[in-house]
Amino acid sequence: QVQLVESGGGLVQPGGSLRLSCAASGTIFRNRNMGWFRQAPGKQRDGVARIGSNGDTTNYADSVKGRFTISRDNAKSTVYLQMNSLKPGDTAVYYCNVMTGNRWPWGQGTQVTVSS
């Protein structure tokens, strides 16, 4: 049974930073392209960043480019999202999952709230 556990969210002021983590278990993590997604209230879940299976390629949504950095540690089956210069528009629940093929079961996500 695949399990994804996201953590690291919280309340932060505009301009602040957070580092999210997503640990995967019950699966072979290192072979999969991974991504971070977010879902704001009343909106669909959208991808914000993706990373290749060995970490050599990354892509970002235009809305986060230059502010967010995705990385991974295959030895720990964990993917990270460093978020800098946060804006109120980044407020959402953040999730990780595979980027290609059938999605794994979604985790509970981690809430990020950017507010003064």
Protein backbone atom coordinates (compact mmCIF):
# COMPACT_ATOMS: atom_id res chain seq x y z
CA GLN A 1 0.00 0.00 0.00
CA VAL A 2 1.53 3.27 -1.14
CA GLN A 3 1.42 6.06 1.39
CA LEU A 4 2.36 9.72 0.94
CA VAL A 5 2.82 11.92 3.98
CA GLU A 6 3.25 15.66 3.47
CA SER A 7 4.54 17.98 6.19
CA GLY A 8 6.11 21.37 6.77
CA GLY A 9 3.19 23.68 6.11
CA GLY A 10 2.07 26.49 8.37
CA LEU A 11 1.18 30.14 8.67
CA VAL A 12 3.74 32.54 7.27
CA GLN A 13 3.78 36.24 6.48
CA PRO A 14 4.10 37.47 2.90
CA GLY A 15 7.73 37.31 1.84
CA GLY A 16 8.44 34.42 4.17
CA SER A 17 9.68 30.92 3.45
CA LEU A 18 8.66 27.36 4.13
CA ARG A 19 10.12 23.98 3.26
CA LEU A 20 7.66 21.19 2.57
CA SER A 21 8.51 17.49 2.71
CA CYS A 22 6.71 14.49 1.29
CA ALA A 23 7.73 11.01 2.35
CA ALA A 24 6.66 8.00 0.31
CA SER A 25 6.42 4.45 1.56
CA GLY A 26 5.27 1.13 0.19
CA THR A 27 6.60 1.73 -3.30
CA ILE A 28 9.70 2.10 -5.43
CA PHE A 29 10.16 5.85 -5.29
CA ARG A 30 13.40 6.34 -7.13
CA ASN A 31 12.05 5.36 -10.56
CA ARG A 32 9.24 7.90 -10.63
CA ASN A 33 9.00 11.50 -11.72
CA MET A 34 7.48 13.36 -8.80
CA GLY A 35 5.59 16.59 -8.43
CA TRP A 36 4.03 19.01 -6.01
CA PHE A 37 0.44 20.08 -6.43
CA ARG A 38 -1.71 22.59 -4.62
CA GLN A 39 -5.40 23.18 -4.16
CA ALA A 40 -6.87 26.44 -2.95
CA PRO A 41 -10.43 26.58 -1.59
CA GLY A 42 -12.95 26.30 -4.38
CA LYS A 43 -10.32 25.64 -7.01
CA GLN A 44 -8.98 22.58 -8.78
CA ARG A 45 -5.75 20.88 -7.81
CA ASP A 46 -2.91 22.14 -10.00
CA GLY A 47 0.69 21.10 -10.43
CA VAL A 48 3.31 23.63 -9.35
CA ALA A 49 6.62 21.78 -9.69
CA ARG A 50 8.00 18.52 -11.02
CA ILE A 51 11.30 16.70 -10.81
CA GLY A 52 12.78 13.83 -12.78
CA SER A 53 13.44 10.47 -11.21
CA ASN A 54 17.12 11.19 -10.52
CA GLY A 55 16.66 14.90 -9.84
CA ASP A 56 18.34 16.13 -12.98
CA THR A 57 15.35 17.90 -14.48
CA THR A 58 12.88 20.28 -12.88
CA ASN A 59 9.95 22.31 -14.16
CA TYR A 60 7.79 24.94 -12.51
CA ALA A 61 4.49 26.63 -13.05
CA ASP A 62 4.94 30.23 -14.14
CA SER A 63 3.29 31.41 -10.93
CA VAL A 64 6.08 29.96 -8.76
CA LYS A 65 9.09 30.07 -11.07
CA GLY A 66 12.06 31.74 -9.40
CA ARG A 67 10.53 31.41 -5.93
CA PHE A 68 10.04 27.65 -5.42
CA THR A 69 12.64 24.89 -5.70
CA ILE A 70 11.83 21.20 -5.87
CA SER A 71 14.37 18.57 -4.85
CA ARG A 72 14.43 14.94 -3.82
CA ASP A 73 16.38 12.42 -1.77
CA ASN A 74 15.84 8.97 -3.25
CA ALA A 75 17.63 7.31 -0.34
CA LYS A 76 14.91 8.71 1.95
CA SER A 77 12.06 8.37 -0.58
CA THR A 78 11.32 12.03 0.04
CA VAL A 79 10.62 15.00 -2.18
CA TYR A 80 10.94 18.59 -0.97
CA LEU A 81 9.60 21.97 -1.95
CA GLN A 82 11.48 25.05 -0.81
CA MET A 83 9.16 28.02 -1.04
CA ASN A 84 10.57 31.53 -0.81
CA SER A 85 9.03 34.98 -1.25
CA LEU A 86 5.63 33.58 -0.42
CA LYS A 87 2.54 35.48 -1.49
CA PRO A 88 -1.07 35.33 -0.29
CA GLY A 89 -1.91 33.66 -3.59
CA ASP A 90 0.23 30.69 -2.57
CA THR A 91 -2.25 29.84 0.16
CA ALA A 92 -3.45 26.28 -0.48
CA VAL A 93 -3.18 22.68 0.62
CA TYR A 94 -0.04 21.21 -0.91
CA TYR A 95 0.27 17.59 -2.03
CA CYS A 96 2.88 15.47 -3.73
CA ASN A 97 2.35 12.61 -6.16
CA VAL A 98 3.81 10.95 -9.22
CA MET A 99 3.70 13.00 -12.40
CA THR A 100 3.25 10.21 -14.93
CA GLY A 101 1.15 7.07 -15.01
CA ASN A 102 -1.53 6.28 -12.49
CA ARG A 103 -1.50 8.53 -9.46
CA TRP A 104 -0.73 7.05 -6.09
CA PRO A 105 -3.36 7.52 -3.37
CA TRP A 106 -3.28 11.16 -2.32
CA GLY A 107 -1.94 12.00 1.11
CA GLN A 108 -3.63 14.36 3.52
CA GLY A 109 -1.65 17.31 2.23
CA THR A 110 -0.12 20.13 4.23
CA GLN A 111 -1.79 23.52 4.64
CA VAL A 112 0.17 26.62 3.68
CA THR A 113 -1.35 29.94 4.66
CA VAL A 114 0.32 33.19 3.66
CA SER A 115 -1.15 36.11 5.55
CA SER A 116 -0.14 39.14 7.53
